[in-house]
């Protein structure tokens, strides 16, 4: 009899262990994780140039210029200054202000992509090619054109701020083009 009780006790212990293992095996949880993977530091240089009186391309040195005509020389391009190939995108913004307050200056300013190497999408200009180390993009713009008559009528004595911002993401294993690449920083709302 004793061996029968021992057998039953052992079987009960084994069943309890198996039941506890099976419940552990099926327990699960949910959650989210943000994985940040870094493969190298990307560095870019925004080149904001103009053409001087000798016809030479030089860095813009003045903070403020007075409009003397309906166009201003302004050359914008990006240089990859790191060891990794990348995709780049650029945002061009115009902000106007007069004695009445702020106004949408992009209605009075325009430019053209002389190189044909940029694609406008979602408010950004994406460079169509992968930018290799030490390589420069083609010019995104070379001149700003102002609708000066309309600007003077609507906003005489106004000031227009021109700003350029740029972002880069790695191109290695990251899509075939800049506009399809992942990892672009999200804009603050």
Foldseek 3Di string as FASTA:
>chain_A
DVVVVVVVVVVVVVVVVVVVVVVVVPDDDDDDDDDDDDDDDWDKDKAKWFQDPVRDTDGDDDPDDDDPDFKGFIWIKMWTADQAKKWKKKAKAKWKAAPVGTDRCVVFKDFAQPVPQWDDDPRITTGWDTHHHGRMGRTRGTMMGGPVVVCCVVGNPMGMDIDMDMDIDGPVVADDGNVRGDDDDDDDD
